[in-house]
């Protein structure tokens, strides 16, 4: 049977904590708070309801990217599998829910983000020399086959589209 999944909007309680296993794999821990705020119609004030606290674990590239991109206080969209962590301390057994995070991102309703796509080798694209060529292309003008670039073309010109309607 599969573990239950959770997707929700929460807030980071601390900065992501990045560390590495003995074998060199990146692992990050995030503490998340999910709460139910509602507007009290009588007082017109926002009131906090119950809060669900959970610790999330991120692995490998996701862990590294999250620790570079996210910080305490950010509202995030998160999805992952719910698990139970168990441990023993001073002879007493303890357990708590945890989240194996599969994806996490800032909520763009309250923040901006600059996305840099990682290539297949795990290296970030868009730095230094790699970025200059696409920027030069943009400065030179739009691609020849871009129907939105200059307006409608006639059929005799052989490119673009023939009417005021979008080309889809």
N, C-alpha and C. Protein backbone atom coordinates (compact mmCIF):
# COMPACT_ATOMS: atom_id res chain seq x y z
N UNK A 1 0.85 -1.17 0.00
CA UNK A 1 0.00 0.00 0.00
C UNK A 1 0.90 1.25 0.00
N UNK A 2 0.51 2.23 -0.78
CA UNK A 2 1.29 3.46 -0.89
C UNK A 2 1.08 4.36 0.33
N UNK A 3 2.10 5.14 0.63
CA UNK A 3 1.97 6.11 1.71
C UNK A 3 1.05 7.24 1.28
N UNK A 4 0.35 7.87 2.22
CA UNK A 4 -0.52 8.99 1.85
C UNK A 4 0.31 10.18 1.41
N UNK A 5 -0.23 10.95 0.48
CA UNK A 5 0.46 12.14 0.01
C UNK A 5 -0.23 13.38 0.54
N UNK A 6 0.52 14.44 0.59
CA UNK A 6 0.01 15.71 1.07
C UNK A 6 0.48 16.80 0.13
N UNK A 7 -0.42 17.66 -0.24
CA UNK A 7 -0.08 18.85 -1.02
C UNK A 7 -0.75 20.02 -0.34
N UNK A 8 0.01 21.07 -0.10
CA UNK A 8 -0.59 22.21 0.58
C UNK A 8 0.28 23.44 0.54
N UNK A 9 -0.26 24.50 1.08
CA UNK A 9 0.43 25.78 1.17
C UNK A 9 0.77 26.00 2.64
N UNK A 10 2.05 26.13 2.93
CA UNK A 10 2.51 26.33 4.29
C UNK A 10 3.54 27.44 4.36
N UNK A 11 4.09 27.61 5.53
CA UNK A 11 5.10 28.65 5.74
C UNK A 11 6.33 28.01 6.35
N UNK A 12 7.51 28.43 5.86
CA UNK A 12 8.77 27.93 6.41
C UNK A 12 9.01 28.57 7.76
N UNK A 13 9.23 27.76 8.77
CA UNK A 13 9.46 28.23 10.13
C UNK A 13 10.92 28.65 10.30
N UNK A 14 11.83 27.99 9.60
CA UNK A 14 13.26 28.29 9.64
C UNK A 14 13.81 28.23 8.22
N UNK A 15 15.03 28.71 8.04
CA UNK A 15 15.73 28.49 6.77
C UNK A 15 15.94 26.99 6.59
N UNK A 16 15.92 26.50 5.36
CA UNK A 16 16.24 25.08 5.15
C UNK A 16 17.64 24.78 5.68
N UNK A 17 17.79 23.63 6.33
CA UNK A 17 19.07 23.22 6.91
C UNK A 17 19.68 22.15 6.01
N UNK A 18 20.73 22.50 5.30
CA UNK A 18 21.39 21.59 4.36
C UNK A 18 22.58 20.92 5.03
N UNK A 19 22.69 19.60 4.83
CA UNK A 19 23.85 18.85 5.29
C UNK A 19 24.07 17.72 4.29
N UNK A 20 25.12 16.95 4.50
CA UNK A 20 25.46 15.88 3.57
C UNK A 20 25.68 14.58 4.33
N UNK A 21 25.24 13.47 3.72
CA UNK A 21 25.47 12.15 4.31
C UNK A 21 26.93 11.79 4.14
N UNK A 22 27.36 10.71 4.79
CA UNK A 22 28.75 10.26 4.65
C UNK A 22 29.08 9.90 3.22
N UNK A 23 28.08 9.47 2.46
CA UNK A 23 28.33 9.12 1.06
C UNK A 23 28.26 10.33 0.14
N UNK A 24 27.98 11.52 0.69
CA UNK A 24 28.01 12.75 -0.09
C UNK A 24 26.66 13.20 -0.63
N UNK A 25 25.57 12.52 -0.28
CA UNK A 25 24.26 12.93 -0.75
C UNK A 25 23.75 14.11 0.07
N UNK A 26 23.20 15.10 -0.63
CA UNK A 26 22.65 16.27 0.04
C UNK A 26 21.29 15.91 0.65
N UNK A 27 21.06 16.40 1.86
CA UNK A 27 19.77 16.25 2.52
C UNK A 27 19.46 17.56 3.25
N UNK A 28 18.25 18.04 3.09
CA UNK A 28 17.85 19.27 3.76
C UNK A 28 16.62 19.00 4.60
N UNK A 29 16.52 19.72 5.69
CA UNK A 29 15.38 19.65 6.57
C UNK A 29 14.69 21.00 6.56
N UNK A 30 13.36 20.97 6.43
CA UNK A 30 12.57 22.19 6.53
C UNK A 30 11.48 21.97 7.56
N UNK A 31 11.23 22.99 8.35
CA UNK A 31 10.11 22.94 9.29
C UNK A 31 9.00 23.78 8.69
N UNK A 32 7.80 23.18 8.63
CA UNK A 32 6.67 23.84 7.99
C UNK A 32 5.51 24.01 8.98
N UNK A 33 4.78 25.09 8.80
CA UNK A 33 3.56 25.32 9.58
C UNK A 33 2.42 25.56 8.60
N UNK A 34 1.35 24.81 8.79
CA UNK A 34 0.13 24.99 8.00
C UNK A 34 -0.93 25.47 8.98
N UNK A 35 -1.57 26.59 8.67
CA UNK A 35 -2.60 27.06 9.58
C UNK A 35 -3.84 27.49 8.82
N UNK A 36 -4.93 27.56 9.54
CA UNK A 36 -6.20 27.96 8.94
C UNK A 36 -6.56 29.34 9.47
N UNK A 37 -6.34 30.34 8.64
CA UNK A 37 -6.72 31.71 8.99
C UNK A 37 -8.08 31.98 8.40
N UNK A 38 -8.87 32.71 9.13
CA UNK A 38 -10.17 33.08 8.59
C UNK A 38 -10.53 34.48 9.06
N UNK A 39 -11.35 35.13 8.27
CA UNK A 39 -11.80 36.48 8.59
C UNK A 39 -13.03 36.38 9.48
N UNK A 40 -12.95 36.95 10.67
CA UNK A 40 -14.09 37.01 11.58
C UNK A 40 -15.03 38.09 11.04
N UNK A 41 -16.22 37.68 10.61
CA UNK A 41 -17.16 38.60 9.99
C UNK A 41 -17.66 39.68 10.96
N UNK A 42 -17.67 39.38 12.25
CA UNK A 42 -18.16 40.36 13.23
C UNK A 42 -17.12 41.43 13.52
N UNK A 43 -15.86 41.04 13.67
CA UNK A 43 -14.81 42.00 14.02
C UNK A 43 -14.00 42.47 12.82
N UNK A 44 -14.17 41.80 11.67
CA UNK A 44 -13.40 42.08 10.47
C UNK A 44 -11.89 41.94 10.70
N UNK A 45 -11.52 41.06 11.63
CA UNK A 45 -10.12 40.78 11.94
C UNK A 45 -9.80 39.35 11.51
N UNK A 46 -8.56 39.15 11.09
CA UNK A 46 -8.11 37.81 10.76
C UNK A 46 -7.78 37.07 12.04
N UNK A 47 -8.21 35.80 12.12
CA UNK A 47 -7.95 34.98 13.30
C UNK A 47 -7.26 33.69 12.86
N UNK A 48 -6.24 33.32 13.62
CA UNK A 48 -5.55 32.06 13.34
C UNK A 48 -6.31 30.92 14.00
N UNK A 49 -6.46 29.84 13.23
CA UNK A 49 -7.09 28.65 13.76
C UNK A 49 -6.02 27.65 14.17
N UNK A 50 -6.33 26.39 14.02
CA UNK A 50 -5.39 25.33 14.35
C UNK A 50 -4.15 25.41 13.47
N UNK A 51 -3.03 24.97 14.02
CA UNK A 51 -1.77 24.94 13.27
C UNK A 51 -1.26 23.50 13.23
N UNK A 52 -0.86 23.06 12.05
CA UNK A 52 -0.26 21.74 11.88
C UNK A 52 1.22 21.96 11.58
N UNK A 53 2.08 21.45 12.46
CA UNK A 53 3.53 21.57 12.32
C UNK A 53 4.07 20.26 11.79
N UNK A 54 4.99 20.34 10.85
CA UNK A 54 5.59 19.12 10.32
C UNK A 54 7.01 19.42 9.84
N UNK A 55 7.85 18.41 9.98
CA UNK A 55 9.23 18.49 9.52
C UNK A 55 9.30 17.80 8.17
N UNK A 56 9.89 18.46 7.19
CA UNK A 56 10.04 17.88 5.86
C UNK A 56 11.50 17.56 5.57
N UNK A 57 11.71 16.51 4.80
CA UNK A 57 13.05 16.12 4.38
C UNK A 57 13.12 16.15 2.87
N UNK A 58 14.17 16.77 2.36
CA UNK A 58 14.40 16.88 0.92
C UNK A 58 15.74 16.23 0.61
N UNK A 59 15.85 15.59 -0.53
CA UNK A 59 17.08 14.88 -0.87
C UNK A 59 17.68 15.37 -2.17
N UNK A 60 18.98 15.22 -2.27
CA UNK A 60 19.80 15.44 -3.45
C UNK A 60 19.62 16.84 -4.03
N UNK A 61 19.36 16.97 -5.33
CA UNK A 61 19.32 18.28 -5.97
C UNK A 61 18.19 19.15 -5.43
N UNK A 62 17.06 18.53 -5.10
CA UNK A 62 15.95 19.29 -4.50
C UNK A 62 16.40 19.94 -3.20
N UNK A 63 17.17 19.22 -2.40
CA UNK A 63 17.68 19.76 -1.13
C UNK A 63 18.59 20.95 -1.38
N UNK A 64 19.50 20.81 -2.33
CA UNK A 64 20.43 21.90 -2.63
C UNK A 64 19.70 23.12 -3.18
N UNK A 65 18.79 22.90 -4.13
CA UNK A 65 18.05 24.01 -4.73
C UNK A 65 17.19 24.74 -3.70
N UNK A 66 16.52 23.97 -2.84
CA UNK A 66 15.67 24.60 -1.82
C UNK A 66 16.50 25.42 -0.85
N UNK A 67 17.65 24.91 -0.45
CA UNK A 67 18.46 25.65 0.51
C UNK A 67 19.03 26.92 -0.10
N UNK A 68 19.22 26.95 -1.41
CA UNK A 68 19.71 28.15 -2.08
C UNK A 68 18.59 29.15 -2.36
N UNK A 69 17.35 28.67 -2.47
CA UNK A 69 16.26 29.51 -2.94
C UNK A 69 15.27 29.96 -1.88
N UNK A 70 15.10 29.18 -0.84
CA UNK A 70 14.04 29.44 0.13
C UNK A 70 14.60 29.93 1.45
N UNK A 71 13.79 30.68 2.19
CA UNK A 71 14.23 31.16 3.50
C UNK A 71 13.05 31.28 4.45
N UNK A 72 13.40 31.41 5.71
CA UNK A 72 12.42 31.51 6.80
C UNK A 72 11.34 32.54 6.47
N UNK A 73 10.09 32.17 6.75
CA UNK A 73 8.98 33.09 6.57
C UNK A 73 8.29 32.99 5.23
N UNK A 74 8.93 32.36 4.24
CA UNK A 74 8.32 32.26 2.92
C UNK A 74 7.11 31.33 2.94
N UNK A 75 6.09 31.72 2.19
CA UNK A 75 4.97 30.83 1.97
C UNK A 75 5.33 29.94 0.79
N UNK A 76 5.17 28.63 0.96
CA UNK A 76 5.58 27.68 -0.07
C UNK A 76 4.44 26.72 -0.41
N UNK A 77 4.48 26.24 -1.63
CA UNK A 77 3.62 25.16 -2.07
C UNK A 77 4.46 23.91 -1.98
N UNK A 78 3.97 22.90 -1.29
CA UNK A 78 4.77 21.71 -1.02
C UNK A 78 3.94 20.46 -1.26
N UNK A 79 4.60 19.42 -1.75
CA UNK A 79 3.94 18.15 -1.97
C UNK A 79 4.90 17.04 -1.59
N UNK A 80 4.37 15.99 -0.99
CA UNK A 80 5.22 14.88 -0.60
C UNK A 80 4.43 13.76 0.05
N UNK A 81 5.16 12.79 0.55
CA UNK A 81 4.57 11.61 1.18
C UNK A 81 4.67 11.72 2.69
N UNK A 82 3.57 11.47 3.36
CA UNK A 82 3.54 11.50 4.82
C UNK A 82 4.14 10.20 5.36
N UNK A 83 4.95 10.34 6.39
CA UNK A 83 5.60 9.20 7.05
C UNK A 83 5.54 9.42 8.55
N UNK A 84 5.91 8.39 9.29
CA UNK A 84 6.04 8.52 10.73
C UNK A 84 7.50 8.28 11.09
N UNK A 85 8.12 9.26 11.73
CA UNK A 85 9.48 9.10 12.24
C UNK A 85 9.39 8.58 13.67
N UNK A 86 10.19 7.59 13.98
CA UNK A 86 10.21 7.02 15.34
C UNK A 86 11.63 7.02 15.86
N UNK A 87 11.78 7.27 17.17
CA UNK A 87 13.09 7.23 17.80
C UNK A 87 12.90 6.95 19.29
N UNK A 88 14.01 6.62 19.91
CA UNK A 88 13.98 6.37 21.34
C UNK A 88 14.98 7.30 22.00
N UNK A 89 14.54 7.94 23.08
CA UNK A 89 15.40 8.87 23.82
C UNK A 89 15.16 8.65 25.30
N UNK A 90 16.22 8.46 26.04
CA UNK A 90 16.15 8.24 27.48
C UNK A 90 15.19 7.10 27.84
N UNK A 91 15.20 6.06 27.02
CA UNK A 91 14.37 4.90 27.29
C UNK A 91 12.91 5.05 26.90
N UNK A 92 12.53 6.20 26.36
CA UNK A 92 11.14 6.42 25.96
C UNK A 92 11.05 6.47 24.43
N UNK A 93 10.01 5.83 23.91
CA UNK A 93 9.78 5.85 22.47
C UNK A 93 8.98 7.09 22.09
N UNK A 94 9.39 7.71 20.99
CA UNK A 94 8.73 8.91 20.47
C UNK A 94 8.43 8.69 19.00
N UNK A 95 7.42 9.39 18.52
CA UNK A 95 7.14 9.39 17.08
C UNK A 95 6.46 10.70 16.70
N UNK A 96 6.60 11.06 15.45
CA UNK A 96 5.96 12.26 14.95
C UNK A 96 5.77 12.13 13.44
N UNK A 97 4.78 12.82 12.89
CA UNK A 97 4.63 12.78 11.44
C UNK A 97 5.75 13.56 10.76
N UNK A 98 6.12 13.13 9.57
CA UNK A 98 7.12 13.85 8.78
C UNK A 98 6.69 13.80 7.33
N UNK A 99 7.31 14.62 6.52
CA UNK A 99 6.97 14.71 5.12
C UNK A 99 8.21 14.49 4.28
N UNK A 100 8.18 13.49 3.40
CA UNK A 100 9.24 13.29 2.42
C UNK A 100 8.87 14.17 1.24
N UNK A 101 9.51 15.32 1.14
CA UNK A 101 9.14 16.34 0.16
C UNK A 101 9.58 15.91 -1.24
N UNK A 102 8.64 15.93 -2.16
CA UNK A 102 8.91 15.62 -3.57
C UNK A 102 9.02 16.89 -4.40
N UNK A 103 8.30 17.95 -3.99
CA UNK A 103 8.42 19.24 -4.67
C UNK A 103 8.08 20.35 -3.69
N UNK A 104 8.76 21.49 -3.89
CA UNK A 104 8.53 22.65 -3.03
C UNK A 104 8.87 23.89 -3.85
N UNK A 105 8.07 24.93 -3.69
CA UNK A 105 8.28 26.16 -4.45
C UNK A 105 7.70 27.35 -3.69
N UNK A 106 8.26 28.53 -3.90
CA UNK A 106 7.68 29.71 -3.27
C UNK A 106 6.33 30.01 -3.87
N UNK A 107 5.42 30.54 -3.07
CA UNK A 107 4.12 30.96 -3.56
C UNK A 107 4.31 32.31 -4.24
N UNK A 108 4.14 32.34 -5.55
CA UNK A 108 4.40 33.56 -6.32
C UNK A 108 3.33 34.63 -6.12
N UNK A 109 2.33 34.35 -5.32
CA UNK A 109 1.37 35.39 -4.96
C UNK A 109 2.00 36.38 -3.99
N UNK A 110 3.07 35.96 -3.30
CA UNK A 110 3.69 36.80 -2.28
C UNK A 110 5.18 37.00 -2.47
N UNK A 111 5.75 36.46 -3.54
CA UNK A 111 7.19 36.59 -3.78
C UNK A 111 7.44 36.48 -5.26
N UNK A 112 8.62 36.91 -5.67
CA UNK A 112 9.05 36.69 -7.04
C UNK A 112 10.17 35.69 -7.03
N UNK A 113 10.37 35.03 -8.14
CA UNK A 113 11.43 34.03 -8.23
C UNK A 113 12.08 34.13 -9.59
N UNK A 114 13.37 33.89 -9.64
CA UNK A 114 14.07 33.80 -10.91
C UNK A 114 14.47 32.34 -11.08
N UNK A 115 13.87 31.70 -12.06
CA UNK A 115 14.09 30.28 -12.26
C UNK A 115 15.26 30.06 -13.20
N UNK A 116 16.16 29.18 -12.80
CA UNK A 116 17.29 28.79 -13.63
C UNK A 116 17.23 27.29 -13.79
N UNK A 117 17.05 26.84 -15.01
CA UNK A 117 16.89 25.42 -15.26
C UNK A 117 18.23 24.70 -15.15
N UNK A 118 18.20 23.55 -14.47
CA UNK A 118 19.40 22.71 -14.36
C UNK A 118 19.45 21.81 -15.58
N UNK A 119 20.65 21.62 -16.15
CA UNK A 119 20.76 20.71 -17.28
C UNK A 119 20.89 19.28 -16.78
N UNK A 120 21.02 18.33 -17.70
CA UNK A 120 21.03 16.91 -17.33
C UNK A 120 22.16 16.56 -16.37
N UNK A 121 23.27 17.25 -16.43
CA UNK A 121 24.40 16.97 -15.55
C UNK A 121 24.25 17.56 -14.17
N UNK A 122 23.15 18.28 -13.93
CA UNK A 122 22.91 18.85 -12.62
C UNK A 122 23.48 20.25 -12.47
N UNK A 123 24.17 20.75 -13.48
CA UNK A 123 24.73 22.10 -13.42
C UNK A 123 23.66 23.11 -13.79
N UNK A 124 23.72 24.29 -13.19
CA UNK A 124 22.76 25.33 -13.49
C UNK A 124 23.09 25.95 -14.83
N UNK A 125 22.07 26.16 -15.64
CA UNK A 125 22.25 26.87 -16.89
C UNK A 125 22.00 28.33 -16.65
N UNK A 126 22.53 29.14 -17.52
CA UNK A 126 22.21 30.55 -17.44
C UNK A 126 23.31 31.39 -16.83
N UNK A 127 24.42 30.83 -16.44
CA UNK A 127 25.48 31.62 -15.85
C UNK A 127 26.52 32.01 -16.89
N UNK A 128 27.07 33.18 -16.75
CA UNK A 128 28.20 33.63 -17.55
C UNK A 128 28.00 33.52 -19.05
N UNK A 129 28.88 32.78 -19.72
CA UNK A 129 28.90 32.68 -21.17
C UNK A 129 27.60 32.10 -21.72
N UNK A 130 27.02 31.14 -21.04
CA UNK A 130 25.83 30.50 -21.56
C UNK A 130 24.68 31.49 -21.72
N UNK A 131 24.63 32.48 -20.89
CA UNK A 131 23.51 33.41 -20.92
C UNK A 131 23.67 34.46 -22.01
N UNK A 132 24.89 34.79 -22.39
CA UNK A 132 25.10 35.89 -23.32
C UNK A 132 24.56 35.61 -24.70
N UNK A 133 24.65 34.40 -25.22
CA UNK A 133 24.17 34.11 -26.56
C UNK A 133 22.66 34.31 -26.68
N UNK A 134 21.83 33.74 -25.80
CA UNK A 134 20.40 33.99 -25.92
C UNK A 134 20.04 35.46 -25.77
N UNK A 135 20.75 36.19 -24.91
CA UNK A 135 20.45 37.61 -24.76
C UNK A 135 20.76 38.36 -26.04
N UNK A 136 21.86 37.99 -26.72
CA UNK A 136 22.19 38.64 -27.98
C UNK A 136 21.12 38.35 -29.01
N UNK A 137 20.61 37.12 -29.04
CA UNK A 137 19.55 36.79 -29.99
C UNK A 137 18.32 37.63 -29.71
N UNK A 138 17.97 37.82 -28.47
CA UNK A 138 16.80 38.63 -28.15
C UNK A 138 17.01 40.07 -28.59
N UNK A 139 18.21 40.60 -28.44
CA UNK A 139 18.47 41.98 -28.83
C UNK A 139 18.41 42.14 -30.34
N UNK A 140 18.75 41.11 -31.10
CA UNK A 140 18.74 41.20 -32.56
C UNK A 140 17.33 41.21 -33.11
N UNK A 141 16.38 40.74 -32.35
CA UNK A 141 15.00 40.71 -32.82
C UNK A 141 14.41 39.34 -32.65
N UNK A 142 13.13 39.23 -32.90
CA UNK A 142 12.45 37.95 -32.70
C UNK A 142 12.85 36.93 -33.76
N UNK A 143 12.62 35.66 -33.47
CA UNK A 143 12.92 34.63 -34.47
C UNK A 143 12.07 34.83 -35.72
N UNK A 144 12.57 34.37 -36.86
CA UNK A 144 11.88 34.51 -38.14
C UNK A 144 10.50 33.86 -38.14
N UNK A 145 10.35 32.75 -37.42
CA UNK A 145 9.09 32.01 -37.47
C UNK A 145 8.12 32.39 -36.36
N UNK A 146 8.32 33.51 -35.69
CA UNK A 146 7.45 33.94 -34.60
C UNK A 146 6.29 34.74 -35.16
N UNK A 147 5.06 34.18 -35.23
CA UNK A 147 3.93 34.90 -35.81
C UNK A 147 3.47 36.08 -34.96
N UNK A 148 3.87 36.15 -33.71
CA UNK A 148 3.47 37.26 -32.85
C UNK A 148 4.42 38.45 -32.99
N UNK A 149 5.54 38.25 -33.65
CA UNK A 149 6.60 39.24 -33.65
C UNK A 149 6.26 40.51 -34.43
N UNK A 150 5.70 40.39 -35.60
CA UNK A 150 5.53 41.57 -36.45
C UNK A 150 4.12 41.81 -36.91
N UNK A 151 3.23 40.93 -36.65
CA UNK A 151 1.86 41.09 -37.14
C UNK A 151 1.62 40.12 -38.28
N UNK A 152 0.42 40.15 -38.84
CA UNK A 152 0.07 39.17 -39.85
C UNK A 152 0.90 39.30 -41.11
N UNK A 153 1.29 38.18 -41.64
CA UNK A 153 2.00 38.14 -42.92
C UNK A 153 1.02 37.64 -43.97
N UNK A 154 1.27 37.96 -45.21
CA UNK A 154 0.40 37.46 -46.27
C UNK A 154 0.88 36.10 -46.71
N UNK A 155 0.00 35.38 -47.36
CA UNK A 155 0.35 34.04 -47.83
C UNK A 155 1.50 34.10 -48.82
N UNK A 156 1.59 35.18 -49.58
CA UNK A 156 2.66 35.28 -50.57
C UNK A 156 4.04 35.43 -49.92
N UNK A 157 4.07 35.93 -48.67
CA UNK A 157 5.35 36.05 -47.98
C UNK A 157 5.81 34.71 -47.46
N UNK A 158 4.91 33.76 -47.34
CA UNK A 158 5.30 32.41 -46.98
C UNK A 158 5.52 32.16 -45.49
N UNK A 159 5.30 33.12 -44.63
CA UNK A 159 5.47 32.88 -43.20
C UNK A 159 4.42 33.68 -42.45
N UNK A 160 4.29 33.45 -41.20
CA UNK A 160 3.31 34.17 -40.40
C UNK A 160 1.94 33.56 -40.57
N UNK A 161 0.90 34.40 -40.50
CA UNK A 161 -0.45 33.90 -40.63
C UNK A 161 -1.26 34.88 -41.44
N UNK A 162 -2.44 34.45 -41.91
CA UNK A 162 -3.19 35.19 -42.91
C UNK A 162 -4.34 36.04 -42.39
N UNK A 163 -4.61 36.04 -41.11
CA UNK A 163 -5.77 36.78 -40.62
C UNK A 163 -5.45 37.45 -39.31
N UNK A 164 -6.46 38.13 -38.79
CA UNK A 164 -6.28 38.77 -37.48
C UNK A 164 -6.45 37.79 -36.33
N UNK A 165 -6.79 36.55 -36.62
CA UNK A 165 -6.97 35.53 -35.60
C UNK A 165 -5.60 34.99 -35.16
N UNK A 166 -5.48 34.57 -33.91
CA UNK A 166 -4.23 33.96 -33.45
C UNK A 166 -3.91 32.71 -34.25
N UNK A 167 -2.64 32.36 -34.36
CA UNK A 167 -2.23 31.23 -35.18
C UNK A 167 -2.34 29.87 -34.49
N UNK A 168 -3.40 29.66 -33.75
CA UNK A 168 -3.60 28.34 -33.13
C UNK A 168 -5.04 27.96 -33.18
